[in-house]
Protein backbone atom coordinates (compact mmCIF):
# COMPACT_ATOMS: atom_id res chain seq x y z
CA MET A 1 95.36 101.39 78.81
CA ARG A 2 92.08 101.66 80.76
CA ALA A 3 90.38 97.53 81.08
CA PRO A 4 87.14 97.13 78.59
CA ARG A 5 83.90 97.53 81.32
CA ARG A 6 82.24 94.20 81.52
CA LEU A 7 78.45 94.50 80.62
CA GLN A 8 76.07 92.81 83.05
CA HIS A 9 73.19 90.46 82.70
CA GLY A 10 70.12 91.62 80.27
CA GLU A 11 72.24 94.88 79.75
CA GLU A 12 71.44 96.45 76.36
CA ALA A 13 74.12 97.33 74.05
CA THR A 14 74.37 98.57 70.50
CA LEU A 15 76.54 96.45 67.77
CA VAL A 16 79.46 99.21 67.49
CA GLU A 17 79.64 99.29 71.41
CA HIS A 18 80.13 95.26 71.58
CA LEU A 19 82.96 95.90 68.76
CA SER A 20 84.72 98.35 70.74
CA GLU A 21 84.99 96.21 73.55
CA LEU A 22 86.00 92.93 71.58
CA ARG A 23 88.27 95.09 70.26
CA SER A 24 89.45 96.17 73.49
CA ARG A 25 89.39 92.74 74.96
CA LEU A 26 91.56 90.96 71.78
CA ILE A 27 94.54 94.00 72.44
CA VAL A 28 94.46 93.45 75.82
CA ALA A 29 94.73 89.31 74.95
CA LEU A 30 97.59 90.37 72.51
CA VAL A 31 99.65 92.55 75.22
CA ALA A 32 99.47 89.34 77.18
CA ILE A 33 100.77 87.30 74.43
CA THR A 34 103.17 90.04 73.86
CA VAL A 35 105.19 89.73 77.03
CA GLY A 36 104.77 86.60 78.42
CA THR A 37 106.73 85.39 75.18
CA ALA A 38 109.41 87.86 75.95
CA ALA A 39 109.32 87.25 79.64
CA ALA A 40 109.56 83.23 78.50
CA TYR A 41 112.37 84.60 76.15
CA VAL A 42 114.38 85.86 78.99
CA GLU A 43 114.39 82.28 80.08
CA HIS A 44 114.13 80.38 77.24
CA ALA A 45 117.44 78.51 77.91
CA HIS A 46 115.99 77.36 81.68
CA LEU A 47 112.78 76.34 79.60
CA ILE A 48 114.53 73.99 77.26
CA ALA A 49 116.52 72.69 79.67
CA ALA A 50 113.75 71.83 82.12
CA LEU A 51 112.18 70.02 79.09
CA GLU A 52 115.75 68.24 78.42
CA GLN A 53 115.55 66.67 82.40
CA ALA A 54 113.09 64.68 80.87
CA LEU A 55 115.34 63.30 78.47
CA PRO A 56 117.70 60.62 79.60
CA PRO A 57 120.95 61.17 81.50
CA GLY A 58 122.85 60.49 78.72
CA ARG A 59 121.01 62.07 75.75
CA ARG A 60 120.26 65.35 77.27
CA LYS A 61 122.49 67.56 74.29
CA LEU A 62 120.11 68.55 71.65
CA VAL A 63 121.58 69.01 68.18
CA THR A 64 120.07 71.37 65.40
CA PHE A 65 120.56 70.74 61.88
CA GLY A 66 120.68 74.42 59.72
CA VAL A 67 122.18 78.30 60.59
CA ALA A 68 118.40 79.37 61.41
CA GLU A 69 117.26 76.43 64.18
CA PRO A 70 118.76 77.30 67.23
CA PHE A 71 117.11 81.03 67.14
CA MET A 72 113.54 79.44 65.58
CA THR A 73 113.32 76.72 68.08
CA SER A 74 114.34 79.02 70.97
CA MET A 75 111.46 81.54 69.15
CA TRP A 76 108.97 78.81 69.26
CA ILE A 77 109.66 77.51 72.57
CA SER A 78 109.20 81.25 73.90
CA LEU A 79 105.75 81.44 72.15
CA TYR A 80 104.19 78.49 73.64
CA ALA A 81 105.51 79.15 76.82
CA GLY A 82 104.44 82.82 76.32
CA LEU A 83 100.66 81.64 75.40
CA ILE A 84 100.78 79.31 78.79
CA VAL A 85 101.67 82.47 81.49
CA ALA A 86 98.92 84.53 79.24
CA SER A 87 96.28 81.98 79.27
CA PRO A 88 94.22 82.67 82.13
CA LEU A 89 94.17 86.67 81.11
CA VAL A 90 93.37 85.45 77.70
CA LEU A 91 90.35 83.01 79.15
CA HIS A 92 89.26 85.75 81.47
CA GLN A 93 88.85 88.50 78.50
CA LEU A 94 86.97 86.09 76.09
CA TRP A 95 84.63 84.74 79.78
CA ALA A 96 84.35 88.46 80.15
CA PHE A 97 83.22 89.28 77.07
CA LEU A 98 80.59 86.05 76.76
CA ALA A 99 79.59 85.88 80.46
CA PRO A 100 76.79 88.33 79.86
CA ALA A 101 74.73 86.42 76.92
CA LEU A 102 74.52 84.21 80.75
CA ASP A 103 72.38 84.14 83.62
CA GLU A 104 73.76 84.37 87.23
CA ARG A 105 73.56 81.01 87.56
CA THR A 106 74.69 79.74 84.43
CA GLN A 107 77.42 81.82 84.93
CA ARG A 108 78.16 80.11 88.60
CA VAL A 109 78.32 77.05 87.45
CA VAL A 110 80.51 77.53 83.88
CA ALA A 111 82.59 79.52 86.60
CA ALA A 112 83.27 76.41 88.87
CA LEU A 113 83.48 74.08 85.60
CA THR A 114 86.43 76.61 84.45
CA GLY A 115 87.96 76.25 88.67
CA LEU A 116 88.58 72.48 88.03
CA ALA A 117 89.58 72.76 85.00
CA ALA A 118 92.67 74.71 85.60
CA ALA A 119 93.30 72.27 88.65
CA LEU A 120 92.96 68.81 86.58
CA GLY A 121 94.61 70.73 83.12
CA ALA A 122 97.75 71.68 86.14
CA SER A 123 97.82 68.01 87.54
CA GLY A 124 97.96 67.03 83.72
CA LEU A 125 100.74 69.03 82.87
CA ALA A 126 102.42 67.60 86.03
CA PHE A 127 101.46 64.11 85.34
CA GLY A 128 102.69 64.53 81.91
CA TYR A 129 106.08 66.34 82.67
CA PHE A 130 106.94 63.64 85.50
CA VAL A 131 105.66 60.24 84.48
CA VAL A 132 104.84 60.15 81.22
CA LEU A 133 107.13 61.74 79.46
CA PRO A 134 110.56 60.10 80.69
CA ALA A 135 108.87 56.80 80.40
CA ALA A 136 107.93 57.38 77.07
CA LEU A 137 111.35 59.01 76.26
CA ARG A 138 113.57 56.10 77.87
CA TYR A 139 111.78 53.51 75.57
CA LEU A 140 112.12 55.58 72.61
CA THR A 141 115.71 56.34 72.67
CA GLU A 142 116.52 52.89 73.53
CA TYR A 143 114.73 51.44 71.02
CA ASP A 144 116.60 49.43 68.73
CA ARG A 145 119.93 51.40 69.92
CA GLY A 146 122.34 48.82 68.47
CA ILE A 147 121.22 50.04 65.19
CA TYR A 148 120.93 53.54 64.95
CA ASP A 149 122.99 56.28 65.96
CA ILE A 150 120.63 58.09 67.96
CA GLN A 151 120.85 61.70 67.86
CA ILE A 152 117.71 63.65 69.20
CA ARG A 153 117.11 66.91 66.79
CA ALA A 154 115.94 69.93 69.17
CA ARG A 155 113.21 70.78 67.34
CA ASP A 156 111.76 67.57 66.67
CA TYR A 157 112.44 66.92 70.60
CA LEU A 158 110.20 69.87 71.83
CA SER A 159 107.43 69.37 68.99
CA PHE A 160 107.16 65.67 71.03
CA SER A 161 107.25 66.96 74.13
CA SER A 162 104.99 69.61 73.95
CA ALA A 163 102.65 67.08 71.79
CA VAL A 164 102.71 64.65 75.24
CA LEU A 165 102.09 67.39 77.40
CA ILE A 166 99.38 68.78 75.64
CA ALA A 167 98.26 65.04 75.48
CA ALA A 168 98.26 64.43 79.08
CA VAL A 169 96.48 68.25 79.57
CA VAL A 170 93.92 66.88 77.67
CA VAL A 171 93.31 63.71 79.49
CA PHE A 172 92.87 65.50 82.51
CA GLU A 173 90.27 67.28 81.35
CA LEU A 174 87.38 64.03 80.89
CA PRO A 175 85.44 65.41 84.24
CA VAL A 176 84.81 68.35 82.83
CA ILE A 177 83.71 67.68 79.94
CA VAL A 178 81.75 64.80 81.13
CA LEU A 179 80.25 67.17 84.04
CA GLY A 180 79.28 69.67 81.42
CA LEU A 181 77.60 67.30 79.29
CA ASN A 182 75.88 66.24 82.66
CA ARG A 183 74.39 69.95 83.35
CA ILE A 184 73.21 70.68 79.66
CA GLY A 185 70.91 67.15 80.17
CA LEU A 186 72.53 65.01 77.61
CA LEU A 187 74.26 62.56 79.88
CA SER A 188 73.52 61.61 82.93
CA ALA A 189 75.35 59.37 85.82
CA ASP A 190 72.72 56.59 85.30
CA GLN A 191 73.57 56.37 81.38
CA LEU A 192 77.52 56.35 82.57
CA ARG A 193 77.35 53.65 85.04
CA ARG A 194 75.09 52.05 82.16
CA ASN A 195 77.13 51.74 79.47
CA ARG A 196 80.74 51.25 81.19
CA ARG A 197 82.06 48.69 79.12
CA MET A 198 81.59 51.19 75.91
CA GLY A 199 82.76 54.10 78.38
CA TYR A 200 86.29 52.10 79.09
CA ALA A 201 86.62 51.07 75.39
CA ALA A 202 85.80 54.93 74.21
CA MET A 203 88.74 55.96 76.82
CA ALA A 204 91.08 53.10 75.28
CA VAL A 205 90.63 54.11 71.61
CA LEU A 206 91.19 57.89 72.81
CA ALA A 207 94.25 56.71 74.47
CA VAL A 208 95.68 55.55 71.16
CA ALA A 209 94.45 58.41 68.95
CA LEU A 210 96.04 60.72 71.38
CA PRO A 211 99.60 61.92 70.40
CA GLY A 212 102.37 59.05 71.51
CA VAL A 213 103.13 56.79 68.76
CA ASP A 214 104.74 54.29 71.87
CA PRO A 215 102.74 51.66 73.58
CA VAL A 216 104.42 53.09 77.03
CA THR A 217 102.89 56.48 75.84
CA THR A 218 99.79 55.13 75.21
CA THR A 219 99.28 53.08 78.29
CA LEU A 220 100.44 55.65 80.58
CA GLU A 221 97.42 58.22 79.39
CA MET A 222 94.96 54.98 78.98
CA PHE A 223 95.23 54.04 82.91
CA PRO A 224 94.32 57.76 84.09
CA LEU A 225 91.53 57.76 81.79
CA PHE A 226 89.95 55.02 83.23
CA GLY A 227 90.33 56.27 86.76
CA LEU A 228 89.16 59.43 85.35
CA TYR A 229 85.66 58.03 83.84
CA GLU A 230 85.00 56.66 87.00
CA GLY A 231 85.42 59.96 88.73
CA ALA A 232 83.50 61.81 86.43
CA ILE A 233 80.48 59.29 87.18
CA TRP A 234 80.59 59.65 90.94
CA LEU A 235 81.20 63.33 90.38
CA SER A 236 78.16 63.60 88.05
CA VAL A 237 76.30 61.84 90.88
CA LEU A 238 76.95 64.24 93.39
CA LEU A 239 76.31 66.82 90.78
CA GLU A 240 72.38 65.78 90.15
CA ARG A 241 71.72 64.96 93.91
CA ARG A 242 72.77 68.90 94.36
CA LEU A 243 71.42 70.42 91.98
CA GLY A 244 68.50 68.17 90.46
CA ARG A 245 67.95 66.87 87.20
CA SER A 246 64.90 69.19 86.91
CA ARG A 247 67.42 72.09 86.74
CA PRO A 248 69.69 71.29 83.76
CA LEU A 249 71.06 74.33 81.86
CA LEU A 250 70.18 73.72 78.53
CA GLN A 251 66.12 72.82 78.43
CA THR A 252 64.60 70.63 75.79
CA SER A 253 63.59 73.61 73.74
CA GLY A 254 67.32 74.91 73.28
CA GLU A 255 66.78 77.84 75.77
CA TRP A 256 69.82 78.38 78.16
């Protein structure tokens, strides 16, 4: 299958050509997800074992209820992992389809923000797996242990751990969101600095709203948000000094 040809900025194309390119890129994305899911299914036992490692040592044997639950749980884990593995290619296909609508300067800025988002997302995933998830699980699995016979259901645990990891990734993407708002002229470094208290309050509310019902998860997500908020302020300052506030990507007329 030939890779779809990427249009250049300003290059004209008919509606049929745009739809044909979109179809080709969707096919490439679906093939990537299918291959990623199949590869993950081959290694799904190792994936589940890796997630079990975050549990306290005495609770690393998950239980299932029902005939189909073991199969469906393994399939869902394989699909989640396949989506993660295929996400770089899927996002590249989306970017290649949308990029011709943006000028070269905007494309460079978006590419830089995308690279930063990938690095921060990987850092958030590692922070969630090695710090947030084990601490939350220790607290939750020991809570009222004298009252309950605590058994951990595979489906529920994998859903909880996936939600916590996704929340950690979202938390670490805060600087990218702030920088994006800065570059389109909706938010400035001065505004961020003047409204620090309001910003910290917003970060606390966000930490409470993110997945994780226990105070340990909420606290461990809140402190990185405070640090990332401060980092976003200084990154905005550096970006403004380097590129200047006279060149926002989004003009007041709404044109790019």
